[in-house]
Amino acid sequence: MIFFGDNYYGLVDRVHGLFYVRTRFLHIWFVPLVPRETYLFFDDHPEGQLVGVRISLSLKSILT
């Protein structure tokens, strides 16, 4: 069985209580292979949902 899909990796530029940056990767066996897009996620959303805004690819997040 092969596990593949999308997941977020490379947590950088975290400002506690405000936001953080993560990059969505295509992975195989949970090893990130291809960076797809980078998001700026907001920390404290009232309903506990993951809310983010797509930004340009972050080299810092990709290398992390």
N, C-alpha and C. Protein backbone atom coordinates (compact mmCIF):
# COMPACT_ATOMS: atom_id res chain seq x y z
N MET A 1 0.84 -1.16 0.00
CA MET A 1 0.00 0.00 0.00
C MET A 1 0.90 1.25 0.00
N ILE A 2 0.53 2.23 -0.83
CA ILE A 2 1.28 3.47 -0.94
C ILE A 2 0.41 4.62 -0.43
N PHE A 3 0.98 5.42 0.47
CA PHE A 3 0.29 6.59 0.99
C PHE A 3 0.78 7.82 0.24
N PHE A 4 -0.16 8.56 -0.37
CA PHE A 4 0.21 9.80 -1.04
C PHE A 4 -0.92 10.81 -0.91
N GLY A 5 -0.60 12.06 -1.12
CA GLY A 5 -1.62 13.11 -1.02
C GLY A 5 -0.99 14.46 -0.77
N ASP A 6 -1.78 15.36 -0.19
CA ASP A 6 -1.33 16.72 0.15
C ASP A 6 -1.30 16.88 1.65
N ASN A 7 -0.31 17.62 2.12
CA ASN A 7 -0.23 17.94 3.54
C ASN A 7 0.57 19.23 3.69
N TYR A 8 0.43 19.88 4.85
CA TYR A 8 1.14 21.13 5.12
C TYR A 8 2.40 20.84 5.91
N TYR A 9 3.51 21.40 5.45
CA TYR A 9 4.81 21.27 6.09
C TYR A 9 5.47 22.64 6.14
N GLY A 10 6.60 22.74 6.83
CA GLY A 10 7.40 23.96 6.81
C GLY A 10 6.82 25.12 7.60
N LEU A 11 6.49 24.89 8.87
CA LEU A 11 5.96 25.95 9.72
C LEU A 11 7.06 26.97 10.00
N VAL A 12 6.85 28.22 9.56
CA VAL A 12 7.82 29.30 9.78
C VAL A 12 7.08 30.59 10.11
N ASP A 13 7.84 31.59 10.51
CA ASP A 13 7.35 32.96 10.74
C ASP A 13 6.12 32.99 11.63
N ARG A 14 6.17 32.24 12.73
CA ARG A 14 5.02 32.20 13.65
C ARG A 14 5.06 33.40 14.59
N VAL A 15 3.95 34.10 14.67
CA VAL A 15 3.73 35.15 15.65
C VAL A 15 2.57 34.66 16.51
N HIS A 16 2.87 34.20 17.73
CA HIS A 16 1.87 33.57 18.58
C HIS A 16 0.66 34.47 18.77
N GLY A 17 -0.51 33.88 18.55
CA GLY A 17 -1.76 34.60 18.69
C GLY A 17 -2.19 35.34 17.44
N LEU A 18 -1.33 35.39 16.41
CA LEU A 18 -1.69 36.12 15.20
C LEU A 18 -1.69 35.25 13.96
N PHE A 19 -0.50 34.76 13.53
CA PHE A 19 -0.43 34.02 12.27
C PHE A 19 0.82 33.17 12.19
N TYR A 20 0.87 32.30 11.15
CA TYR A 20 2.05 31.52 10.81
C TYR A 20 1.97 31.15 9.33
N VAL A 21 3.09 30.72 8.78
CA VAL A 21 3.18 30.39 7.35
C VAL A 21 3.49 28.91 7.20
N ARG A 22 2.78 28.24 6.28
CA ARG A 22 3.03 26.83 5.97
C ARG A 22 2.88 26.62 4.47
N THR A 23 3.59 25.61 3.95
CA THR A 23 3.52 25.28 2.52
C THR A 23 2.85 23.93 2.35
N ARG A 24 1.96 23.86 1.38
CA ARG A 24 1.27 22.61 1.05
C ARG A 24 2.12 21.84 0.04
N PHE A 25 2.42 20.58 0.37
CA PHE A 25 3.26 19.72 -0.46
C PHE A 25 2.50 18.49 -0.93
N LEU A 26 2.86 18.00 -2.08
CA LEU A 26 2.47 16.67 -2.51
C LEU A 26 3.45 15.72 -1.82
N HIS A 27 2.94 14.70 -1.15
CA HIS A 27 3.83 13.77 -0.42
C HIS A 27 3.56 12.33 -0.82
N ILE A 28 4.59 11.53 -0.66
CA ILE A 28 4.49 10.08 -0.79
C ILE A 28 5.13 9.51 0.46
N TRP A 29 4.39 8.65 1.16
CA TRP A 29 4.80 8.10 2.45
C TRP A 29 5.16 9.22 3.42
N PHE A 30 4.42 10.32 3.38
CA PHE A 30 4.57 11.46 4.28
C PHE A 30 5.92 12.15 4.16
N VAL A 31 6.59 11.96 3.02
CA VAL A 31 7.82 12.68 2.70
C VAL A 31 7.45 13.77 1.70
N PRO A 32 7.60 15.05 2.06
CA PRO A 32 7.21 16.13 1.15
C PRO A 32 8.10 16.15 -0.08
N LEU A 33 7.47 16.16 -1.27
CA LEU A 33 8.22 16.10 -2.52
C LEU A 33 8.07 17.35 -3.38
N VAL A 34 6.85 17.77 -3.63
CA VAL A 34 6.59 18.87 -4.56
C VAL A 34 5.82 19.97 -3.84
N PRO A 35 6.44 21.17 -3.68
CA PRO A 35 5.69 22.27 -3.07
C PRO A 35 4.61 22.76 -4.02
N ARG A 36 3.40 22.95 -3.48
CA ARG A 36 2.28 23.35 -4.34
C ARG A 36 1.88 24.79 -4.12
N GLU A 37 1.67 25.19 -2.89
CA GLU A 37 1.28 26.57 -2.59
C GLU A 37 1.56 26.87 -1.12
N THR A 38 1.73 28.14 -0.81
CA THR A 38 2.03 28.58 0.55
C THR A 38 0.86 29.41 1.07
N TYR A 39 0.56 29.23 2.36
CA TYR A 39 -0.55 29.94 2.99
C TYR A 39 -0.08 30.65 4.25
N LEU A 40 -0.71 31.78 4.52
CA LEU A 40 -0.59 32.50 5.78
C LEU A 40 -1.84 32.14 6.57
N PHE A 41 -1.67 31.38 7.66
CA PHE A 41 -2.80 30.94 8.48
C PHE A 41 -2.94 31.84 9.70
N PHE A 42 -4.19 32.13 10.06
CA PHE A 42 -4.48 32.94 11.24
C PHE A 42 -4.67 32.01 12.44
N ASP A 43 -4.09 32.40 13.58
CA ASP A 43 -4.06 31.53 14.77
C ASP A 43 -5.42 31.34 15.43
N ASP A 44 -6.00 32.36 15.95
CA ASP A 44 -7.18 32.22 16.81
C ASP A 44 -8.45 32.57 16.06
N HIS A 45 -9.03 31.56 15.42
CA HIS A 45 -10.32 31.76 14.76
C HIS A 45 -11.39 31.32 15.74
N PRO A 46 -12.47 32.10 15.87
CA PRO A 46 -13.49 31.81 16.90
C PRO A 46 -14.05 30.39 16.88
N GLU A 47 -14.31 29.82 15.70
CA GLU A 47 -14.89 28.48 15.63
C GLU A 47 -13.82 27.38 15.61
N GLY A 48 -12.55 27.75 15.72
CA GLY A 48 -11.48 26.76 15.71
C GLY A 48 -11.16 26.23 14.33
N GLN A 49 -11.67 26.90 13.29
CA GLN A 49 -11.41 26.48 11.91
C GLN A 49 -10.04 26.95 11.46
N LEU A 50 -9.50 26.27 10.48
CA LEU A 50 -8.23 26.65 9.87
C LEU A 50 -8.53 27.68 8.79
N VAL A 51 -8.14 28.93 9.02
CA VAL A 51 -8.42 30.02 8.08
C VAL A 51 -7.10 30.56 7.58
N GLY A 52 -6.93 30.61 6.26
CA GLY A 52 -5.68 31.08 5.70
C GLY A 52 -5.87 31.82 4.40
N VAL A 53 -4.81 32.53 4.02
CA VAL A 53 -4.78 33.29 2.78
C VAL A 53 -3.59 32.79 1.96
N ARG A 54 -3.84 32.49 0.69
CA ARG A 54 -2.77 32.01 -0.17
C ARG A 54 -1.81 33.15 -0.49
N ILE A 55 -0.51 32.88 -0.36
CA ILE A 55 0.53 33.85 -0.69
C ILE A 55 1.50 33.20 -1.67
N SER A 56 2.48 33.96 -2.15
CA SER A 56 3.46 33.38 -3.07
C SER A 56 4.31 32.35 -2.33
N LEU A 57 4.89 31.41 -3.07
CA LEU A 57 5.70 30.35 -2.47
C LEU A 57 6.80 30.95 -1.60
N SER A 58 6.96 30.40 -0.42
CA SER A 58 7.96 30.86 0.54
C SER A 58 9.15 29.90 0.51
N LEU A 59 10.29 30.38 0.05
CA LEU A 59 11.49 29.55 0.00
C LEU A 59 11.90 29.09 1.40
N LYS A 60 11.73 29.97 2.38
CA LYS A 60 12.05 29.63 3.78
C LYS A 60 11.20 28.45 4.26
N SER A 61 9.92 28.47 3.96
CA SER A 61 9.03 27.39 4.37
C SER A 61 9.36 26.10 3.61
N ILE A 62 9.68 26.21 2.34
CA ILE A 62 10.01 25.03 1.52
C ILE A 62 11.27 24.35 2.05
N LEU A 63 12.28 25.14 2.38
CA LEU A 63 13.54 24.57 2.87
C LEU A 63 13.44 24.01 4.29
N THR A 64 12.46 24.51 5.05
CA THR A 64 12.28 24.01 6.42
C THR A 64 11.64 22.66 6.37
